[in-house]
Amino acid sequence: MMVNKYLIIMVILLYSQLSHALPSIPSSSGMNSHLISAIEYVQLPQDSDKDINNIEQYFESHSVNHASNSLLSLGISHQITWVKLSLHNPTKDTLTRYLTAGKTWIDSLDVYSIQDHLPHHQHAGDYEFASHHLVPGVGFVFPVTIPPGNSHIFIRAQSLDPMTLPIDLQNTGDARGYHALVHITSGWVYGVLMALIGFNLVLYFTVKQSYTLYYCCYIACFIIVNLSYNGFGFAWFYPHSLYIQNYCTLVFMVLHGVSGLIFIASFLSIKRNMPFIYKFVAVYCTAGVITMSILIVQKAHIMATHIAFNYLTLATLLMIAIAGLSIGKVKDAQYFLVAVLCSMLGLLVTTLSVRGNLPYNYFTFNSAVFGVVLEAIILAIIVSIRLKAIDKERITAQYLSAYDPLTNIFNRRSFFNVGQKIIKNATKNKTPLCFVMMDIDHFKNINDIHGHYVGDQALTHIACLLKKNIRVTDILARWGGEEIAILLPKTNLEQALACTEHLRATIEDTPLIVNGEEVVITASFGIAVAHHNEPLDELFKRADKQLYKAKNQGRNRIGCE
């Protein structure tokens, strides 16, 4: 119930944040600018490519495609895409607008504004160094002038990556506001993800759970993919490295899938619970890394693109399947499945929209971001709860290893560990120290007459009396059976005798009540005064000797040196 409560709260908070953070999105059901009256496009083989001098005639004389909206996503192919924008400026003034013509991974993008039958040419693309046309998070943006009346703009695009062309015309103010808002939203997303990486790194170095480190790699790979395909990497980090720009997204798509599978394998312990699937995941991860490495060395870009998208899609489905199969076998698997579904379905929608299998719009394109952020928050909650449980188990295990479970006082091992330190301090500070051994008198008779259950009650009863009547600095431990050891630091023999006599009298005067019947219990004690730097086991032997001296003298008394 606690996990459900956290999940509901975080989903509401995330929805609230995203609803305020999202920029104003143009409708994908029609043209996103009132100046655009029609969008037509055609894809031509490389060997039949046209130039700007005859492409307009080609559009007029051939059957072409008419776009139903301005967000074009045409999949992956070698073909060259030509787009014709038919514009109508109803004013008498020449207007300046900013044309978003393609996403940041388009290899080559040419924009031709046809004015007075003369083309004005602008060029950009990630097969050249980053230019001022690149606006990270938005795409390639070109300033264009639109004369009064009817005019045309032609866009020529070529890419070995998905052909994604979001067409938009904005005035200066709208363009600046939109670009700023996209950057703010991106900063918010990256900030959340980086905070979660830091959180999980702290968890890793604190509790040493390997899956927290794998999860950091998983989120880090997604951040790099997102920075790369949104153009932030090309604009800010490697503007003069075309090789990194062309392959960074593809490589980290595969690594994102690999790190996700490694994370889920560790988190859900599939090596133990589903060994066959674990072997398949290991082979799949290895094959992905090797295949992508070979394709990069061979510079087989289009093949690498197909492999990256297919690999991530299959990794997504595999992660969902593993999470589903783990329900009932692994704790928190059902909540993990919810988290993974958020991310994986988001990645799947983004992948399919970029490939052209789903309608491309702002939400389908950015669904991976929204899904990963939501997944990261849910997983952070789940991991925190799991680690809290692990820490509780660790504390419980430490406690059980240190304390006697019946009497809730130290066991012999803990007594030795603490006692040796106290003896060293007493020797160093030249302070007195006494060791007291106590044995319940005729304990066997209590068990024989009243039963072992009452015997256990007697031990618990005596331990409670002792704890209430010794100092905080004194050390109490069950030595074994009905024997209890007491270490009295900063205590000389006279003080130890007074303390021990008080304990003896208290035990005698405080009988155990069992079913309304009093069971009188007495105990015998032996005291040894520590010598300079004396080992604890030697001190115990002398105190034990005095204990048996007291028992031989009639019990319920104290023996001392």
Protein backbone atom coordinates (compact mmCIF):
# COMPACT_ATOMS: atom_id res chain seq x y z
CA MET A 1 0.00 0.00 0.00
CA MET A 2 2.89 2.35 0.74
CA VAL A 3 4.33 1.80 -2.76
CA ASN A 4 0.91 2.49 -4.32
CA LYS A 5 0.65 5.71 -2.35
CA TYR A 6 4.07 6.89 -3.50
CA LEU A 7 3.35 5.99 -7.12
CA ILE A 8 0.08 7.91 -7.19
CA ILE A 9 1.67 10.99 -5.65
CA MET A 10 4.64 10.96 -8.05
CA VAL A 11 2.43 10.44 -11.12
CA ILE A 12 0.28 13.41 -10.12
CA LEU A 13 3.35 15.57 -9.52
CA LEU A 14 4.92 14.55 -12.82
CA TYR A 15 1.73 15.24 -14.74
CA SER A 16 1.45 18.63 -13.08
CA GLN A 17 5.06 19.51 -13.92
CA LEU A 18 4.81 18.38 -17.54
CA SER A 19 1.52 20.19 -18.09
CA HIS A 20 3.21 23.44 -17.09
CA ALA A 21 6.54 22.70 -18.77
CA LEU A 22 5.36 21.63 -22.21
CA PRO A 23 5.60 24.26 -24.89
CA SER A 24 2.57 25.25 -26.90
CA ILE A 25 2.24 22.46 -29.45
CA PRO A 26 0.93 23.07 -32.93
CA SER A 27 -1.93 20.88 -33.95
CA SER A 28 -0.90 17.93 -36.09
CA SER A 29 -4.32 17.66 -37.69
CA GLY A 30 -3.66 20.54 -40.07
CA MET A 31 -1.03 23.05 -41.15
CA ASN A 32 0.77 24.64 -38.24
CA SER A 33 1.05 28.07 -39.91
CA HIS A 34 -1.73 30.04 -41.57
CA LEU A 35 0.76 31.06 -44.29
CA ILE A 36 1.17 27.45 -45.50
CA SER A 37 -1.68 26.53 -47.82
CA ALA A 38 -0.40 23.10 -48.90
CA ILE A 39 2.48 20.68 -48.36
CA GLU A 40 3.45 18.18 -51.06
CA TYR A 41 6.34 15.79 -51.10
CA VAL A 42 7.97 13.15 -53.22
CA GLN A 43 10.81 10.68 -52.66
CA LEU A 44 13.17 10.05 -55.55
CA PRO A 45 15.98 7.52 -56.04
CA GLN A 46 19.45 8.97 -55.89
CA ASP A 47 20.09 8.35 -59.58
CA SER A 48 16.99 10.33 -60.61
CA ASP A 49 17.46 13.29 -58.31
CA LYS A 50 16.30 16.66 -59.63
CA ASP A 51 17.76 20.10 -59.10
CA ILE A 52 15.90 23.25 -58.19
CA ASN A 53 15.68 24.28 -61.84
CA ASN A 54 13.36 21.45 -62.79
CA ILE A 55 11.85 20.23 -59.49
CA GLU A 56 8.96 22.69 -59.65
CA GLN A 57 8.00 21.37 -63.07
CA TYR A 58 8.28 17.83 -61.73
CA PHE A 59 5.77 18.60 -58.97
CA GLU A 60 3.35 20.03 -61.52
CA SER A 61 3.64 17.17 -64.03
CA HIS A 62 3.88 14.11 -61.78
CA SER A 63 1.73 12.53 -59.12
CA VAL A 64 3.04 13.54 -55.70
CA ASN A 65 1.99 13.00 -52.11
CA HIS A 66 -0.14 15.53 -50.28
CA ALA A 67 0.61 15.81 -46.57
CA SER A 68 -2.35 15.84 -44.21
CA ASN A 69 -0.30 17.66 -41.60
CA SER A 70 3.01 19.46 -41.33
CA LEU A 71 4.88 16.84 -39.31
CA LEU A 72 6.42 14.50 -41.85
CA SER A 73 8.04 11.26 -40.82
CA LEU A 74 8.98 9.15 -43.83
CA GLY A 75 11.08 6.35 -42.34
CA ILE A 76 14.60 5.19 -43.23
CA SER A 77 15.69 4.96 -46.86
CA HIS A 78 18.39 5.94 -49.38
CA GLN A 79 15.90 8.08 -51.27
CA ILE A 80 16.01 11.83 -51.58
CA THR A 81 12.97 13.69 -50.30
CA TRP A 82 11.68 16.88 -51.92
CA VAL A 83 9.03 18.93 -50.12
CA LYS A 84 7.06 21.76 -51.71
CA LEU A 85 5.49 24.35 -49.45
CA SER A 86 2.78 26.45 -51.08
CA LEU A 87 2.54 29.78 -49.25
CA HIS A 88 0.00 32.55 -49.29
CA ASN A 89 0.74 35.94 -47.75
CA PRO A 90 -2.53 37.90 -47.62
CA THR A 91 -0.79 41.13 -46.57
CA LYS A 92 0.93 43.71 -48.74
CA ASP A 93 4.18 43.39 -46.81
CA THR A 94 7.09 41.00 -47.20
CA LEU A 95 7.15 38.88 -44.05
CA THR A 96 10.16 37.40 -42.30
CA ARG A 97 9.62 33.99 -40.79
CA TYR A 98 11.70 31.17 -39.33
CA LEU A 99 11.23 27.85 -41.06
CA THR A 100 11.85 24.65 -39.09
CA ALA A 101 12.56 22.20 -41.90
CA GLY A 102 14.00 19.03 -40.31
CA LYS A 103 15.29 17.35 -37.19
CA THR A 104 18.90 17.69 -36.13
CA TRP A 105 20.05 14.31 -37.50
CA ILE A 106 19.17 15.00 -41.16
CA ASP A 107 22.38 14.53 -43.15
CA SER A 108 21.76 17.18 -45.81
CA LEU A 109 19.04 19.82 -45.87
CA ASP A 110 18.60 22.46 -48.58
CA VAL A 111 15.98 25.19 -48.49
CA TYR A 112 15.09 27.14 -51.66
CA SER A 113 12.87 30.21 -51.38
CA ILE A 114 11.45 30.97 -54.83
CA GLN A 115 11.03 34.70 -55.30
CA ASP A 116 10.58 36.34 -58.70
CA HIS A 117 11.42 32.94 -60.20
CA LEU A 118 14.88 33.11 -58.58
CA PRO A 119 15.85 30.61 -55.86
CA HIS A 120 17.44 31.77 -52.63
CA HIS A 121 19.45 28.82 -51.32
CA GLN A 122 20.31 27.92 -47.70
CA HIS A 123 22.03 24.72 -46.62
CA ALA A 124 22.59 22.76 -43.38
CA GLY A 125 22.84 19.17 -42.11
CA ASP A 126 24.86 16.96 -39.83
CA TYR A 127 27.17 15.87 -42.66
CA GLU A 128 28.80 19.27 -42.16
CA PHE A 129 30.03 21.10 -39.11
CA ALA A 130 27.34 22.54 -36.83
CA SER A 131 26.07 25.87 -38.15
CA HIS A 132 23.83 28.66 -36.91
CA HIS A 133 20.85 26.89 -38.50
CA LEU A 134 21.05 24.17 -35.84
CA VAL A 135 18.74 24.89 -32.90
CA PRO A 136 19.14 22.09 -30.30
CA GLY A 137 15.87 20.50 -29.30
CA VAL A 138 14.06 22.03 -32.27
CA GLY A 139 15.87 21.15 -35.49
CA PHE A 140 17.37 23.01 -38.44
CA VAL A 141 15.84 26.48 -38.62
CA PHE A 142 16.15 28.86 -41.60
CA PRO A 143 15.14 32.51 -41.88
CA VAL A 144 12.95 33.04 -44.96
CA THR A 145 11.15 35.99 -46.48
CA ILE A 146 7.62 35.56 -47.79
CA PRO A 147 6.45 38.10 -50.40
CA PRO A 148 2.83 39.20 -50.71
CA GLY A 149 0.58 36.79 -52.55
CA ASN A 150 1.47 33.24 -53.50
CA SER A 151 4.99 31.82 -53.34
CA HIS A 152 6.78 28.51 -52.87
CA ILE A 153 9.56 27.05 -50.74
CA PHE A 154 11.25 23.81 -51.73
CA ILE A 155 13.08 21.60 -49.25
CA ARG A 156 15.52 18.92 -50.33
CA ALA A 157 16.39 16.41 -47.61
CA GLN A 158 18.66 13.39 -47.64
CA SER A 159 19.64 11.18 -44.72
CA LEU A 160 20.63 7.66 -43.83
CA ASP A 161 18.80 8.21 -40.56
CA PRO A 162 15.00 8.46 -40.24
CA MET A 163 13.57 11.14 -42.54
CA THR A 164 11.82 13.33 -39.96
CA LEU A 165 10.72 16.75 -41.23
CA PRO A 166 8.59 18.82 -38.86
CA ILE A 167 7.55 21.81 -41.00
CA ASP A 168 6.81 25.01 -39.12
CA LEU A 169 6.80 28.75 -39.85
CA GLN A 170 7.04 31.17 -36.94
CA ASN A 171 7.62 34.86 -36.54
CA THR A 172 10.63 36.11 -34.57
CA GLY A 173 8.88 36.42 -31.21
CA ASP A 174 7.12 33.07 -31.40
CA ALA A 175 10.30 31.32 -32.56
CA ARG A 176 12.37 32.72 -29.72
CA GLY A 177 9.73 31.92 -27.15
CA TYR A 178 9.26 28.40 -28.45
CA HIS A 179 13.00 27.71 -28.59
CA ALA A 180 13.48 29.03 -25.05
CA LEU A 181 10.62 26.93 -23.73
CA VAL A 182 11.97 23.79 -25.42
CA HIS A 183 15.35 24.41 -23.79
CA ILE A 184 13.74 25.01 -20.38
CA THR A 185 11.74 21.80 -20.70
CA SER A 186 14.85 19.90 -21.78
CA GLY A 187 16.79 21.34 -18.85
CA TRP A 188 14.06 20.25 -16.45
CA VAL A 189 14.09 16.72 -17.87
CA TYR A 190 17.88 16.43 -17.81
CA GLY A 191 17.94 17.87 -14.30
CA VAL A 192 15.51 15.23 -13.02
CA LEU A 193 17.46 12.44 -14.71
CA MET A 194 20.84 13.70 -13.47
CA ALA A 195 19.45 14.00 -9.95
CA LEU A 196 18.29 10.38 -10.15
CA ILE A 197 21.74 9.32 -11.37
CA GLY A 198 23.31 11.09 -8.40
CA PHE A 199 20.78 9.53 -6.05
CA ASN A 200 21.51 6.02 -7.32
CA LEU A 201 25.29 6.60 -7.20
CA VAL A 202 24.96 7.54 -3.54
CA LEU A 203 22.94 4.37 -3.00
CA TYR A 204 25.58 2.30 -4.78
CA PHE A 205 28.47 3.61 -2.70
CA THR A 206 26.34 3.34 0.45
CA VAL A 207 24.75 -0.09 0.17
CA LYS A 208 26.86 -1.64 -2.64
CA GLN A 209 23.88 -2.95 -4.62
CA SER A 210 25.11 -3.45 -8.20
CA TYR A 211 21.76 -2.81 -9.85
CA THR A 212 21.84 0.82 -8.69
CA LEU A 213 25.05 1.28 -10.72
CA TYR A 214 23.52 -0.46 -13.75
CA TYR A 215 20.53 1.83 -13.46
CA CYS A 216 22.85 4.85 -13.53
CA CYS A 217 24.33 3.52 -16.79
CA TYR A 218 20.84 2.96 -18.16
CA ILE A 219 19.74 6.55 -17.46
CA ALA A 220 23.11 7.97 -18.58
CA CYS A 221 22.81 6.21 -21.96
CA PHE A 222 19.34 7.65 -22.42
CA ILE A 223 20.57 11.16 -21.60
CA ILE A 224 23.36 10.82 -24.17
CA VAL A 225 20.92 9.50 -26.80
CA ASN A 226 18.56 12.37 -26.10
CA LEU A 227 21.33 14.98 -26.17
CA SER A 228 22.55 13.50 -29.43
CA TYR A 229 19.33 13.18 -31.41
CA ASN A 230 18.08 16.55 -30.17
CA GLY A 231 21.26 18.24 -31.39
CA PHE A 232 22.58 19.44 -28.04
CA GLY A 233 25.66 17.27 -28.37
CA PHE A 234 26.41 18.43 -31.91
CA ALA A 235 25.88 22.10 -31.01
CA TRP A 236 27.72 22.12 -27.68
CA PHE A 237 30.16 19.23 -27.33
CA TYR A 238 31.38 18.04 -30.74
CA PRO A 239 30.38 20.63 -33.40
CA HIS A 240 33.38 19.70 -35.58
CA SER A 241 33.16 15.91 -35.25
CA LEU A 242 30.88 14.52 -37.94
CA TYR A 243 31.82 10.96 -37.09
CA ILE A 244 30.55 11.29 -33.51
CA GLN A 245 27.41 13.08 -34.69
CA ASN A 246 26.60 10.36 -37.22
CA TYR A 247 27.09 7.40 -34.88
CA CYS A 248 26.64 8.66 -31.30
CA THR A 249 22.86 8.26 -31.26
CA LEU A 250 22.97 4.81 -32.83
CA VAL A 251 25.69 3.50 -30.52
CA PHE A 252 24.01 4.70 -27.36
CA MET A 253 20.62 3.42 -28.51
CA VAL A 254 22.17 -0.04 -28.46
CA LEU A 255 23.99 0.63 -25.17
CA HIS A 256 20.75 1.93 -23.68
CA GLY A 257 19.06 -1.36 -24.55
CA VAL A 258 22.04 -3.35 -23.23
CA SER A 259 22.26 -1.44 -19.93
CA GLY A 260 18.49 -1.74 -19.50
CA LEU A 261 18.64 -5.51 -19.90
CA ILE A 262 21.61 -5.79 -17.54
CA PHE A 263 19.77 -3.67 -14.99
CA ILE A 264 16.59 -5.71 -15.18
CA ALA A 265 18.60 -8.96 -15.01
CA SER A 266 20.27 -7.78 -11.80
CA PHE A 267 17.22 -6.14 -10.22
CA LEU A 268 14.93 -9.10 -10.85
CA SER A 269 17.63 -11.75 -10.25
CA ILE A 270 16.81 -13.59 -13.49
CA LYS A 271 20.08 -15.54 -13.34
CA ARG A 272 18.64 -17.39 -10.35
CA ASN A 273 14.95 -17.31 -11.24
CA MET A 274 15.07 -17.73 -15.05
CA PRO A 275 18.51 -19.06 -16.06
CA PHE A 276 17.54 -19.77 -19.68
CA ILE A 277 16.32 -16.21 -20.21
CA TYR A 278 19.46 -14.93 -18.48
CA LYS A 279 21.63 -16.76 -21.01
CA PHE A 280 19.54 -15.38 -23.87
CA VAL A 281 19.89 -11.84 -22.50
CA ALA A 282 23.68 -12.28 -22.19
CA VAL A 283 23.93 -13.46 -25.81
CA TYR A 284 21.62 -10.69 -27.02
CA CYS A 285 23.62 -7.97 -25.26
CA THR A 286 26.94 -9.30 -26.52
CA ALA A 287 25.63 -9.65 -30.08
CA GLY A 288 24.32 -6.09 -30.06
CA VAL A 289 27.62 -4.56 -28.98
CA ILE A 290 29.68 -6.66 -31.41
CA THR A 291 27.36 -6.05 -34.37
CA MET A 292 27.25 -2.30 -33.83
CA SER A 293 31.04 -2.16 -33.44
CA ILE A 294 31.54 -3.96 -36.75
CA LEU A 295 29.08 -1.69 -38.58
CA ILE A 296 30.76 1.44 -37.23
CA VAL A 297 34.20 0.25 -38.28
CA GLN A 298 32.82 -0.52 -41.75
CA LYS A 299 30.94 2.83 -41.79
CA ALA A 300 27.75 1.00 -42.79
CA HIS A 301 25.56 3.84 -41.60
CA ILE A 302 22.17 2.83 -42.94
CA MET A 303 22.60 -0.75 -41.75
CA ALA A 304 23.67 0.55 -38.34
CA THR A 305 20.55 2.71 -38.26
CA HIS A 306 18.26 -0.24 -38.96
CA ILE A 307 20.08 -2.39 -36.41
CA ALA A 308 19.95 0.28 -33.70
CA PHE A 309 16.20 0.88 -34.06
CA ASN A 310 15.36 -2.82 -34.29
CA TYR A 311 17.69 -3.72 -31.44
CA LEU A 312 16.19 -1.13 -29.08
CA THR A 313 12.67 -2.16 -30.07
CA LEU A 314 13.37 -5.83 -29.32
CA ALA A 315 15.19 -4.95 -26.09
CA THR A 316 12.13 -2.96 -25.08
CA LEU A 317 9.80 -5.89 -25.67
CA LEU A 318 12.21 -8.26 -23.94
CA MET A 319 12.37 -6.09 -20.82
CA ILE A 320 8.58 -5.95 -20.65
CA ALA A 321 8.38 -9.74 -21.05
CA ILE A 322 10.98 -10.36 -18.31
CA ALA A 323 9.19 -8.03 -15.91
CA GLY A 324 5.91 -9.80 -16.64
CA LEU A 325 7.38 -13.27 -16.11
CA SER A 326 8.94 -12.16 -12.81
CA ILE A 327 5.59 -11.34 -11.20
CA GLY A 328 5.05 -13.78 -8.37
CA LYS A 329 8.71 -14.79 -8.37
CA VAL A 330 10.41 -11.54 -7.37
CA LYS A 331 9.38 -8.98 -4.80
CA ASP A 332 8.22 -5.66 -6.32
CA ALA A 333 8.14 -7.18 -9.82
CA GLN A 334 4.64 -5.85 -10.46
CA TYR A 335 5.67 -2.30 -9.62
CA PHE A 336 8.81 -2.71 -11.68
CA LEU A 337 6.63 -3.79 -14.60
CA VAL A 338 4.58 -0.61 -14.29
CA ALA A 339 7.75 1.49 -14.32
CA VAL A 340 9.30 -0.38 -17.23
CA LEU A 341 6.08 -0.17 -19.23
CA CYS A 342 6.12 3.62 -18.88
CA SER A 343 9.64 3.83 -20.28
CA MET A 344 9.47 1.00 -22.75
CA LEU A 345 6.16 2.00 -24.29
CA GLY A 346 7.43 5.57 -24.50
CA LEU A 347 10.59 4.41 -26.27
CA LEU A 348 8.55 2.17 -28.54
CA VAL A 349 6.21 4.99 -29.54
CA THR A 350 9.12 7.36 -30.21
CA THR A 351 10.99 4.72 -32.21
CA LEU A 352 7.97 3.84 -34.33
CA SER A 353 7.03 7.48 -34.91
CA VAL A 354 10.56 8.36 -36.03
CA ARG A 355 10.63 5.31 -38.30
CA GLY A 356 7.33 6.37 -39.83
CA ASN A 357 5.27 3.47 -38.47
CA LEU A 358 3.19 5.78 -36.25
CA PRO A 359 1.94 9.35 -36.85
CA TYR A 360 4.69 11.78 -35.97
CA ASN A 361 3.83 14.63 -33.61
CA TYR A 362 5.29 16.32 -30.57
CA PHE A 363 3.87 13.82 -28.13
CA THR A 364 4.80 10.66 -30.05
CA PHE A 365 8.30 12.03 -30.69
CA ASN A 366 8.87 12.97 -27.02
CA SER A 367 7.02 10.04 -25.47
CA ALA A 368 10.36 8.38 -24.74
CA VAL A 369 11.39 11.37 -22.62
CA PHE A 370 8.14 11.45 -20.70
CA GLY A 371 8.19 7.69 -20.25
CA VAL A 372 11.79 7.56 -19.01
CA VAL A 373 11.25 10.41 -16.55
CA LEU A 374 8.15 8.74 -15.15
CA GLU A 375 9.90 5.37 -15.05
CA ALA A 376 12.92 6.88 -13.32
CA ILE A 377 10.79 8.43 -10.59
CA ILE A 378 8.83 5.21 -10.01
CA LEU A 379 12.00 3.09 -9.96
CA ALA A 380 13.69 5.52 -7.59
CA ILE A 381 10.80 4.97 -5.18
CA ILE A 382 10.92 1.19 -5.62
CA VAL A 383 14.71 1.05 -5.22
CA SER A 384 14.52 3.25 -2.12
CA ILE A 385 11.87 1.04 -0.53
CA ARG A 386 13.81 -2.11 -1.43
CA LEU A 387 17.07 -0.72 -0.06
CA LYS A 388 15.29 0.39 3.09
CA ALA A 389 14.07 -3.19 3.52
CA ILE A 390 17.59 -4.50 2.83
CA ASP A 391 19.04 -2.08 5.37
CA LYS A 392 16.43 -3.17 7.90
CA GLU A 393 17.34 -6.82 7.29
CA ARG A 394 21.01 -5.95 7.66
CA ILE A 395 20.38 -4.18 10.96
CA THR A 396 18.26 -7.10 12.15
CA ALA A 397 20.98 -9.56 11.16
CA GLN A 398 23.60 -7.50 12.97
CA TYR A 399 21.40 -7.34 16.02
CA LEU A 400 20.73 -11.08 16.02
CA SER A 401 24.43 -11.78 15.65
CA ALA A 402 25.24 -9.52 18.58
CA TYR A 403 22.40 -10.20 21.02
CA ASP A 404 20.95 -13.24 22.73
CA PRO A 405 17.44 -13.65 21.22
CA LEU A 406 15.85 -14.87 24.49
CA THR A 407 17.14 -12.36 27.03
CA ASN A 408 17.81 -9.47 24.60
CA ILE A 409 21.26 -8.86 26.08
CA PHE A 410 24.71 -9.31 24.54
CA ASN A 411 25.85 -12.79 23.60
CA ARG A 412 29.32 -14.07 24.52
CA ARG A 413 30.96 -13.00 21.23
CA SER A 414 29.72 -9.43 21.51
CA PHE A 415 30.74 -9.35 25.16
CA PHE A 416 34.30 -10.31 24.20
CA ASN A 417 34.42 -7.70 21.41
CA VAL A 418 33.26 -4.88 23.69
CA GLY A 419 35.04 -6.17 26.80
CA GLN A 420 38.49 -6.22 25.20
CA LYS A 421 38.13 -2.53 24.31
CA ILE A 422 36.98 -1.64 27.83
CA ILE A 423 39.96 -3.50 29.35
CA LYS A 424 42.36 -1.60 27.06
CA ASN A 425 40.80 1.71 28.07
CA ALA A 426 40.98 0.77 31.75
CA THR A 427 44.66 -0.15 31.39
CA LYS A 428 45.40 3.02 29.44
CA ASN A 429 43.56 5.30 31.89
CA LYS A 430 44.65 3.25 34.94
CA THR A 431 41.07 2.86 36.16
CA PRO A 432 39.76 -0.16 38.14
CA LEU A 433 37.65 -2.85 36.48
CA CYS A 434 35.73 -5.82 37.85
CA PHE A 435 34.31 -8.91 36.18
CA VAL A 436 31.20 -10.57 37.70
CA MET A 437 29.92 -14.02 36.81
CA MET A 438 26.37 -14.94 37.87
CA ASP A 439 24.62 -18.33 37.87
CA ILE A 440 20.94 -18.97 38.69
CA ASP A 441 20.71 -21.34 41.61
CA HIS A 442 19.04 -24.72 41.00
CA PHE A 443 17.98 -23.71 37.50
CA LYS A 444 17.54 -27.39 36.55
CA ASN A 445 14.93 -27.76 39.25
CA ILE A 446 12.96 -24.83 37.82
CA ASN A 447 12.89 -26.55 34.44
CA ASP A 448 12.01 -29.93 35.96
CA ILE A 449 9.23 -28.64 38.21
CA HIS A 450 7.69 -25.89 36.13
CA GLY A 451 8.82 -26.78 32.62
CA HIS A 452 11.33 -25.30 30.18
CA TYR A 453 8.92 -22.52 29.20
CA VAL A 454 9.03 -21.21 32.76
CA GLY A 455 12.79 -21.67 32.70
CA ASP A 456 12.97 -19.35 29.69
CA GLN A 457 10.73 -16.90 31.54
CA ALA A 458 13.09 -17.05 34.51
CA LEU A 459 16.07 -16.15 32.32
CA THR A 460 14.18 -13.24 30.75
CA HIS A 461 13.00 -12.12 34.22
CA ILE A 462 16.55 -12.13 35.62
CA ALA A 463 17.93 -10.28 32.56
CA CYS A 464 15.31 -7.53 32.95
CA LEU A 465 16.12 -7.15 36.66
CA LEU A 466 19.84 -6.89 35.94
CA LYS A 467 19.39 -4.32 33.16
CA LYS A 468 17.29 -2.14 35.46
CA ASN A 469 19.80 -2.27 38.28
CA ILE A 470 23.16 -1.69 36.58
CA ARG A 471 24.68 1.44 35.14
CA VAL A 472 24.49 2.43 31.48
CA THR A 473 28.24 1.96 31.19
CA ASP A 474 28.14 -1.60 32.58
CA ILE A 475 28.21 -4.51 30.11
CA LEU A 476 25.76 -7.38 30.47
CA ALA A 477 25.80 -10.64 28.50
CA ARG A 478 24.38 -14.12 28.56
CA TRP A 479 27.44 -16.30 28.83
CA GLY A 480 25.66 -19.55 28.19
CA GLY A 481 22.83 -21.56 29.72
CA GLU A 482 21.84 -19.87 33.00
CA GLU A 483 25.17 -18.02 33.37
CA ILE A 484 25.34 -14.24 32.93
CA ALA A 485 28.48 -12.07 32.82
CA ILE A 486 28.70 -8.46 33.98
CA LEU A 487 31.64 -6.15 33.30
CA LEU A 488 31.89 -3.17 35.64
CA PRO A 489 34.27 -0.45 34.34
CA LYS A 490 35.67 2.18 36.72
CA THR A 491 34.69 -0.05 39.66
CA ASN A 492 36.93 -1.31 42.46
CA LEU A 493 36.32 -4.42 44.56
CA GLU A 494 34.43 -2.60 47.30
CA GLN A 495 32.08 -0.96 44.78
CA ALA A 496 31.67 -4.25 42.90
CA LEU A 497 30.68 -6.04 46.12
CA ALA A 498 28.05 -3.38 46.89
CA CYS A 499 26.65 -3.54 43.37
CA THR A 500 26.60 -7.31 43.29
CA GLU A 501 24.95 -7.57 46.71
CA HIS A 502 22.24 -5.20 45.51
CA LEU A 503 21.67 -7.41 42.46
CA ARG A 504 21.58 -10.59 44.59
CA ALA A 505 19.04 -9.11 46.98
CA THR A 506 16.88 -7.73 44.19
CA ILE A 507 16.69 -11.13 42.49
CA GLU A 508 15.83 -12.85 45.77
CA ASP A 509 13.17 -10.28 46.67
CA THR A 510 11.55 -10.23 43.21
CA PRO A 511 10.04 -13.64 42.49
CA LEU A 512 8.79 -14.65 39.07
CA ILE A 513 4.97 -14.79 38.87
CA VAL A 514 3.69 -17.71 36.79
CA ASN A 515 -0.09 -18.23 36.61
CA GLY A 516 -0.50 -16.39 39.88
CA GLU A 517 2.13 -18.51 41.60
CA GLU A 518 5.41 -17.10 42.89
CA VAL A 519 8.60 -18.81 41.81
CA VAL A 520 11.42 -17.66 44.09
CA ILE A 521 14.74 -17.42 42.31
CA THR A 522 18.18 -16.87 43.80
CA ALA A 523 21.58 -16.48 42.19
CA SER A 524 25.25 -16.89 43.06
CA PHE A 525 28.00 -14.45 42.03
CA GLY A 526 31.76 -14.48 41.58
CA ILE A 527 33.88 -11.31 41.35
CA ALA A 528 37.39 -10.87 39.91
CA VAL A 529 39.34 -7.62 39.89
CA ALA A 530 41.19 -7.00 36.63
CA HIS A 531 44.97 -6.89 36.68
CA HIS A 532 47.07 -4.65 34.46
CA ASN A 533 46.32 -5.42 30.76
CA GLU A 534 44.86 -8.84 31.67
CA PRO A 535 43.13 -10.75 28.83
CA LEU A 536 39.38 -11.05 29.22
CA ASP A 537 39.38 -14.83 29.13
CA GLU A 538 41.83 -14.93 32.07
CA LEU A 539 39.64 -12.48 33.97
CA PHE A 540 36.64 -14.72 33.25
CA LYS A 541 38.43 -17.80 34.62
CA ARG A 542 39.14 -16.08 37.93
CA ALA A 543 35.57 -14.76 38.24
CA ASP A 544 34.19 -18.20 37.37
CA LYS A 545 36.36 -19.75 40.06
CA GLN A 546 34.91 -17.36 42.64
CA LEU A 547 31.38 -18.17 41.38
CA TYR A 548 31.86 -21.86 42.07
CA LYS A 549 33.34 -21.02 45.43
CA ALA A 550 30.10 -19.19 46.27
CA LYS A 551 27.99 -22.11 45.05
CA ASN A 552 30.01 -24.59 47.08
CA GLN A 553 29.45 -22.47 50.17
CA GLY A 554 25.67 -22.83 49.87
CA ARG A 555 24.58 -20.62 46.92
CA ASN A 556 22.73 -17.26 46.96
CA ARG A 557 25.94 -15.53 47.95
CA ILE A 558 28.98 -13.77 46.48
CA GLY A 559 32.48 -15.09 46.09
CA CYS A 560 35.44 -12.75 45.64
CA GLU A 561 39.21 -12.82 45.75
